[in-house]
Amino acid sequence: MRADARRNLTKIVEAAAEVVAERGVNAPMEAIAKRAGVGVGTLYRRFPDREALIAAVGHHYIHTMAEALDAAALRSADAWGAIWEFISWAAAPGRTALSTALAVLPAEAIAERPEFAGVRAGWVERFAELVRRAQAEGSMRPDVGVEDLIHLLNVFTCHPEQLPAPVAADPGRYLRLMLDGMKAGAATPSGA
């Protein structure tokens, strides 16, 4: 692919992610082309239909998540700090809008595509490794798994409309409270 074609492709996918976050998965293709600074013809040459474009947005999204997790792991002195940083990044309001928009799609539209599934599997494994490290360091409860964190992210990033009003008013506060409950020493004894 020529360098200018690659740049146009990147601009289109990034613009599509922004527009989908703002207007949903049925946002007009013309609005996406305009945001990308390309003609509608250029958009349709790269993506023959909305399904192909949305799949590319999903692929871009999971790559961005994986890159953010890796960056948090590199920047943080310990695994718990990396987990905290990544979850805070993922739950930031601008990012949750895209997660919410993509969550309405059927699994075959994005999640079941091999290119998405492969990147997601690698991301989950690296996230699980951070959890194991945090537990080995003694900073995270031993009964918390990576799936618990993924479910937490799912609630706060993909389905914020299902949060009770007080939580939705200040989701960051409640996310911090829930994360604090995952720290070592926060476990409630069995039977309590």
C-alpha atoms as a PDB file:
ATOM      1  CA  MET A   1       0.000   0.000   0.000  1.00  0.00           C
ATOM      2  CA  ARG A   2       1.312   3.437  -0.905  1.00  0.00           C
ATOM      3  CA  ALA A   3       2.149   5.796   1.935  1.00  0.00           C
ATOM      4  CA  ASP A   4      -0.645   8.251   1.018  1.00  0.00           C
ATOM      5  CA  ALA A   5      -3.175   5.415   0.799  1.00  0.00           C
ATOM      6  CA  ARG A   6      -2.046   4.138   4.230  1.00  0.00           C
ATOM      7  CA  ARG A   7      -2.409   7.644   5.685  1.00  0.00           C
ATOM      8  CA  ASN A   8      -5.919   7.953   4.213  1.00  0.00           C
ATOM      9  CA  LEU A   9      -6.858   4.565   5.628  1.00  0.00           C
ATOM     10  CA  THR A  10      -5.625   5.563   9.090  1.00  0.00           C
ATOM     11  CA  LYS A  11      -7.422   8.924   8.894  1.00  0.00           C
ATOM     12  CA  ILE A  12     -10.668   7.233   7.872  1.00  0.00           C
ATOM     13  CA  VAL A  13     -10.575   4.633  10.655  1.00  0.00           C
ATOM     14  CA  GLU A  14      -9.669   7.196  13.324  1.00  0.00           C
ATOM     15  CA  ALA A  15     -12.356   9.583  12.080  1.00  0.00           C
ATOM     16  CA  ALA A  16     -14.874   6.740  11.998  1.00  0.00           C
ATOM     17  CA  ALA A  17     -14.025   5.866  15.609  1.00  0.00           C
ATOM     18  CA  GLU A  18     -14.659   9.485  16.640  1.00  0.00           C
ATOM     19  CA  VAL A  19     -17.912   9.810  14.702  1.00  0.00           C
ATOM     20  CA  VAL A  20     -19.206   6.416  15.875  1.00  0.00           C
ATOM     21  CA  ALA A  21     -18.423   7.432  19.472  1.00  0.00           C
ATOM     22  CA  GLU A  22     -20.432  10.620  18.979  1.00  0.00           C
ATOM     23  CA  ARG A  23     -23.298   9.403  16.794  1.00  0.00           C
ATOM     24  CA  GLY A  24     -23.409   5.609  17.021  1.00  0.00           C
ATOM     25  CA  VAL A  25     -22.733   2.831  14.542  1.00  0.00           C
ATOM     26  CA  ASN A  26     -25.316   4.168  12.082  1.00  0.00           C
ATOM     27  CA  ALA A  27     -23.552   7.518  11.695  1.00  0.00           C
ATOM     28  CA  PRO A  28     -23.657   8.750   8.091  1.00  0.00           C
ATOM     29  CA  MET A  29     -20.712   7.652   5.971  1.00  0.00           C
ATOM     30  CA  GLU A  30     -20.573  11.221   4.628  1.00  0.00           C
ATOM     31  CA  ALA A  31     -19.932  12.539   8.163  1.00  0.00           C
ATOM     32  CA  ILE A  32     -17.076  10.072   8.559  1.00  0.00           C
ATOM     33  CA  ALA A  33     -15.539  11.052   5.210  1.00  0.00           C
ATOM     34  CA  LYS A  34     -15.845  14.738   6.087  1.00  0.00           C
ATOM     35  CA  ARG A  35     -14.190  14.206   9.509  1.00  0.00           C
ATOM     36  CA  ALA A  36     -11.374  12.255   7.820  1.00  0.00           C
ATOM     37  CA  GLY A  37     -10.872  15.001   5.255  1.00  0.00           C
ATOM     38  CA  VAL A  38     -11.438  12.635   2.329  1.00  0.00           C
ATOM     39  CA  GLY A  39     -14.112  12.321  -0.298  1.00  0.00           C
ATOM     40  CA  VAL A  40     -16.931   9.814   0.074  1.00  0.00           C
ATOM     41  CA  GLY A  41     -15.541   7.984  -2.969  1.00  0.00           C
ATOM     42  CA  THR A  42     -12.213   7.487  -1.180  1.00  0.00           C
ATOM     43  CA  LEU A  43     -14.020   6.129   1.868  1.00  0.00           C
ATOM     44  CA  TYR A  44     -16.021   3.646  -0.236  1.00  0.00           C
ATOM     45  CA  ARG A  45     -12.904   2.537  -2.155  1.00  0.00           C
ATOM     46  CA  ARG A  46     -11.328   1.538   1.152  1.00  0.00           C
ATOM     47  CA  PHE A  47     -14.523   0.256   2.783  1.00  0.00           C
ATOM     48  CA  PRO A  48     -17.221  -0.978   0.404  1.00  0.00           C
ATOM     49  CA  ASP A  49     -19.905  -0.908   3.108  1.00  0.00           C
ATOM     50  CA  ARG A  50     -20.623   0.118   6.692  1.00  0.00           C
ATOM     51  CA  GLU A  51     -19.972  -3.420   7.961  1.00  0.00           C
ATOM     52  CA  ALA A  52     -16.383  -3.360   6.697  1.00  0.00           C
ATOM     53  CA  LEU A  53     -15.783   0.091   8.182  1.00  0.00           C
ATOM     54  CA  ILE A  54     -17.253  -0.826  11.567  1.00  0.00           C
ATOM     55  CA  ALA A  55     -15.131  -3.992  11.632  1.00  0.00           C
ATOM     56  CA  ALA A  56     -12.063  -1.808  11.030  1.00  0.00           C
ATOM     57  CA  VAL A  57     -13.151   0.499  13.866  1.00  0.00           C
ATOM     58  CA  GLY A  58     -13.480  -2.527  16.171  1.00  0.00           C
ATOM     59  CA  HIS A  59     -10.033  -3.724  15.144  1.00  0.00           C
ATOM     60  CA  HIS A  60      -8.624  -0.235  15.781  1.00  0.00           C
ATOM     61  CA  TYR A  61     -10.371  -0.185  19.176  1.00  0.00           C
ATOM     62  CA  ILE A  62      -8.903  -3.477  20.412  1.00  0.00           C
ATOM     63  CA  HIS A  63      -5.435  -2.504  19.147  1.00  0.00           C
ATOM     64  CA  THR A  64      -5.727   0.774  21.057  1.00  0.00           C
ATOM     65  CA  MET A  65      -6.742  -1.126  24.203  1.00  0.00           C
ATOM     66  CA  ALA A  66      -3.783  -3.495  23.836  1.00  0.00           C
ATOM     67  CA  GLU A  67      -1.347  -0.612  23.272  1.00  0.00           C
ATOM     68  CA  ALA A  68      -2.708   1.251  26.316  1.00  0.00           C
ATOM     69  CA  LEU A  69      -2.327  -1.840  28.505  1.00  0.00           C
ATOM     70  CA  ASP A  70       1.252  -2.343  27.327  1.00  0.00           C
ATOM     71  CA  ALA A  71       2.071   1.331  27.884  1.00  0.00           C
ATOM     72  CA  ALA A  72       0.628   1.220  31.423  1.00  0.00           C
ATOM     73  CA  ALA A  73       2.693  -1.888  32.189  1.00  0.00           C
ATOM     74  CA  LEU A  74       5.869  -0.149  30.979  1.00  0.00           C
ATOM     75  CA  ARG A  75       5.229   3.087  32.889  1.00  0.00           C
ATOM     76  CA  SER A  76       4.177   1.633  36.226  1.00  0.00           C
ATOM     77  CA  ALA A  77       6.598   0.560  38.902  1.00  0.00           C
ATOM     78  CA  ASP A  78       4.323  -2.302  39.934  1.00  0.00           C
ATOM     79  CA  ALA A  79       1.579  -4.444  38.447  1.00  0.00           C
ATOM     80  CA  TRP A  80      -1.227  -2.959  40.574  1.00  0.00           C
ATOM     81  CA  GLY A  81      -0.266   0.523  39.396  1.00  0.00           C
ATOM     82  CA  ALA A  82      -0.405  -0.672  35.783  1.00  0.00           C
ATOM     83  CA  ILE A  83      -3.836  -2.230  36.292  1.00  0.00           C
ATOM     84  CA  TRP A  84      -5.126   0.932  37.964  1.00  0.00           C
ATOM     85  CA  GLU A  85      -3.709   3.160  35.217  1.00  0.00           C
ATOM     86  CA  PHE A  86      -5.099   1.019  32.412  1.00  0.00           C
ATOM     87  CA  ILE A  87      -8.600   0.716  33.861  1.00  0.00           C
ATOM     88  CA  SER A  88      -8.706   4.454  34.552  1.00  0.00           C
ATOM     89  CA  TRP A  89      -7.609   5.117  30.960  1.00  0.00           C
ATOM     90  CA  ALA A  90     -10.167   2.690  29.507  1.00  0.00           C
ATOM     91  CA  ALA A  91     -13.026   4.135  31.571  1.00  0.00           C
ATOM     92  CA  ALA A  92     -12.336   7.762  30.612  1.00  0.00           C
ATOM     93  CA  PRO A  93     -15.502   9.388  29.203  1.00  0.00           C
ATOM     94  CA  GLY A  94     -14.240   9.862  25.645  1.00  0.00           C
ATOM     95  CA  ARG A  95     -13.329   6.200  25.352  1.00  0.00           C
ATOM     96  CA  THR A  96     -16.476   4.825  26.891  1.00  0.00           C
ATOM     97  CA  ALA A  97     -18.602   6.400  24.163  1.00  0.00           C
ATOM     98  CA  LEU A  98     -16.923   4.248  21.505  1.00  0.00           C
ATOM     99  CA  SER A  99     -17.165   1.118  23.670  1.00  0.00           C
ATOM    100  CA  THR A 100     -20.847   1.800  24.221  1.00  0.00           C
ATOM    101  CA  ALA A 101     -21.480   2.312  20.508  1.00  0.00           C
ATOM    102  CA  LEU A 102     -19.699  -0.904  19.546  1.00  0.00           C
ATOM    103  CA  ALA A 103     -21.392  -2.930  22.310  1.00  0.00           C
ATOM    104  CA  VAL A 104     -24.745  -2.810  20.496  1.00  0.00           C
ATOM    105  CA  LEU A 105     -23.387  -4.815  17.576  1.00  0.00           C
ATOM    106  CA  PRO A 106     -23.889  -8.559  17.271  1.00  0.00           C
ATOM    107  CA  ALA A 107     -20.772 -10.595  18.097  1.00  0.00           C
ATOM    108  CA  GLU A 108     -20.204 -11.610  14.473  1.00  0.00           C
ATOM    109  CA  ALA A 109     -19.857  -7.952  13.443  1.00  0.00           C
ATOM    110  CA  ILE A 110     -16.581  -7.533  15.344  1.00  0.00           C
ATOM    111  CA  ALA A 111     -15.836  -9.839  18.276  1.00  0.00           C
ATOM    112  CA  GLU A 112     -15.974 -13.096  16.319  1.00  0.00           C
ATOM    113  CA  ARG A 113     -13.768 -11.879  13.471  1.00  0.00           C
ATOM    114  CA  PRO A 114     -10.393 -13.661  13.578  1.00  0.00           C
ATOM    115  CA  GLU A 115      -8.329 -10.455  13.406  1.00  0.00           C
ATOM    116  CA  PHE A 116     -10.193  -8.992  16.389  1.00  0.00           C
ATOM    117  CA  ALA A 117     -10.279 -12.243  18.364  1.00  0.00           C
ATOM    118  CA  GLY A 118      -6.518 -12.770  17.974  1.00  0.00           C
ATOM    119  CA  VAL A 119      -5.601  -9.311  19.232  1.00  0.00           C
ATOM    120  CA  ARG A 120      -8.143  -9.595  22.057  1.00  0.00           C
ATOM    121  CA  ALA A 121      -6.753 -12.978  23.147  1.00  0.00           C
ATOM    122  CA  GLY A 122      -3.239 -11.501  23.367  1.00  0.00           C
ATOM    123  CA  TRP A 123      -4.559  -8.484  25.265  1.00  0.00           C
ATOM    124  CA  VAL A 124      -6.437 -10.707  27.742  1.00  0.00           C
ATOM    125  CA  GLU A 125      -3.343 -12.852  28.327  1.00  0.00           C
ATOM    126  CA  ARG A 126      -1.153  -9.783  29.008  1.00  0.00           C
ATOM    127  CA  PHE A 127      -3.851  -8.399  31.322  1.00  0.00           C
ATOM    128  CA  ALA A 128      -4.022 -11.766  33.133  1.00  0.00           C
ATOM    129  CA  GLU A 129      -0.243 -11.701  33.538  1.00  0.00           C
ATOM    130  CA  LEU A 130      -0.512  -8.278  35.212  1.00  0.00           C
ATOM    131  CA  VAL A 131      -3.146  -9.690  37.573  1.00  0.00           C
ATOM    132  CA  ARG A 132      -0.903 -12.655  38.447  1.00  0.00           C
ATOM    133  CA  ARG A 133       2.032 -10.283  39.022  1.00  0.00           C
ATOM    134  CA  ALA A 134      -0.054  -7.991  41.252  1.00  0.00           C
ATOM    135  CA  GLN A 135      -1.136 -11.008  43.272  1.00  0.00           C
ATOM    136  CA  ALA A 136       2.446 -12.292  43.525  1.00  0.00           C
ATOM    137  CA  GLU A 137       3.551  -8.808  44.651  1.00  0.00           C
ATOM    138  CA  GLY A 138       0.864  -8.951  47.355  1.00  0.00           C
ATOM    139  CA  SER A 139      -1.041  -5.905  46.134  1.00  0.00           C
ATOM    140  CA  MET A 140      -4.140  -7.644  44.745  1.00  0.00           C
ATOM    141  CA  ARG A 141      -6.618 -10.088  46.245  1.00  0.00           C
ATOM    142  CA  PRO A 142      -5.859 -13.671  45.233  1.00  0.00           C
ATOM    143  CA  ASP A 143      -9.517 -14.399  44.467  1.00  0.00           C
ATOM    144  CA  VAL A 144      -9.768 -11.765  41.706  1.00  0.00           C
ATOM    145  CA  GLY A 145      -9.196 -12.860  38.133  1.00  0.00           C
ATOM    146  CA  VAL A 146      -8.743 -11.041  34.866  1.00  0.00           C
ATOM    147  CA  GLU A 147     -12.352 -11.862  33.936  1.00  0.00           C
ATOM    148  CA  ASP A 148     -13.505  -9.915  37.010  1.00  0.00           C
ATOM    149  CA  LEU A 149     -11.654  -6.861  35.744  1.00  0.00           C
ATOM    150  CA  ILE A 150     -12.991  -7.328  32.220  1.00  0.00           C
ATOM    151  CA  HIS A 151     -16.561  -7.530  33.586  1.00  0.00           C
ATOM    152  CA  LEU A 152     -15.925  -4.380  35.612  1.00  0.00           C
ATOM    153  CA  LEU A 153     -14.677  -2.591  32.509  1.00  0.00           C
ATOM    154  CA  ASN A 154     -17.636  -3.885  30.539  1.00  0.00           C
ATOM    155  CA  VAL A 155     -20.100  -2.385  33.010  1.00  0.00           C
ATOM    156  CA  PHE A 156     -18.378   0.983  33.169  1.00  0.00           C
ATOM    157  CA  THR A 157     -17.372   1.296  29.509  1.00  0.00           C
ATOM    158  CA  CYS A 158     -19.891  -0.629  27.398  1.00  0.00           C
ATOM    159  CA  HIS A 159     -23.114  -0.319  29.371  1.00  0.00           C
ATOM    160  CA  PRO A 160     -23.032   2.937  31.350  1.00  0.00           C
ATOM    161  CA  GLU A 161     -26.748   3.443  30.663  1.00  0.00           C
ATOM    162  CA  GLN A 162     -27.406   0.501  32.990  1.00  0.00           C
ATOM    163  CA  LEU A 163     -25.652   2.138  35.925  1.00  0.00           C
ATOM    164  CA  PRO A 164     -27.897   3.509  38.702  1.00  0.00           C
ATOM    165  CA  ALA A 165     -28.247   7.294  38.545  1.00  0.00           C
ATOM    166  CA  PRO A 166     -25.906   8.083  41.491  1.00  0.00           C
ATOM    167  CA  VAL A 167     -23.202   5.868  39.967  1.00  0.00           C
ATOM    168  CA  ALA A 168     -23.707   7.305  36.480  1.00  0.00           C
ATOM    169  CA  ALA A 169     -23.350  10.819  37.922  1.00  0.00           C
ATOM    170  CA  ASP A 170     -19.805  10.051  39.132  1.00  0.00           C
ATOM    171  CA  PRO A 171     -18.663   6.769  37.572  1.00  0.00           C
ATOM    172  CA  GLY A 172     -14.997   7.450  38.312  1.00  0.00           C
ATOM    173  CA  ARG A 173     -15.666   7.489  42.051  1.00  0.00           C
ATOM    174  CA  TYR A 174     -17.471   4.158  41.967  1.00  0.00           C
ATOM    175  CA  LEU A 175     -14.890   2.596  39.699  1.00  0.00           C
ATOM    176  CA  ARG A 176     -12.184   3.602  42.208  1.00  0.00           C
ATOM    177  CA  LEU A 177     -14.229   2.156  45.072  1.00  0.00           C
ATOM    178  CA  MET A 178     -14.605  -1.128  43.219  1.00  0.00           C
ATOM    179  CA  LEU A 179     -10.914  -1.250  42.363  1.00  0.00           C
ATOM    180  CA  ASP A 180     -10.023  -0.522  45.975  1.00  0.00           C
ATOM    181  CA  GLY A 181     -12.110  -3.562  46.887  1.00  0.00           C
ATOM    182  CA  MET A 182      -9.794  -5.668  44.749  1.00  0.00           C
ATOM    183  CA  LYS A 183      -6.679  -4.697  46.673  1.00  0.00           C
ATOM    184  CA  ALA A 184      -5.040  -7.259  48.897  1.00  0.00           C
ATOM    185  CA  GLY A 185      -6.524  -7.262  52.385  1.00  0.00           C
ATOM    186  CA  ALA A 186      -9.921  -6.042  51.177  1.00  0.00           C
ATOM    187  CA  ALA A 187     -11.526  -9.477  51.051  1.00  0.00           C
ATOM    188  CA  THR A 188     -14.527 -10.190  53.229  1.00  0.00           C
ATOM    189  CA  PRO A 189     -14.073 -13.451  55.140  1.00  0.00           C
ATOM    190  CA  SER A 190     -16.159 -16.391  53.888  1.00  0.00           C
ATOM    191  CA  GLY A 191     -19.558 -16.634  55.546  1.00  0.00           C
ATOM    192  CA  ALA A 192     -19.577 -12.982  56.647  1.00  0.00           C
END
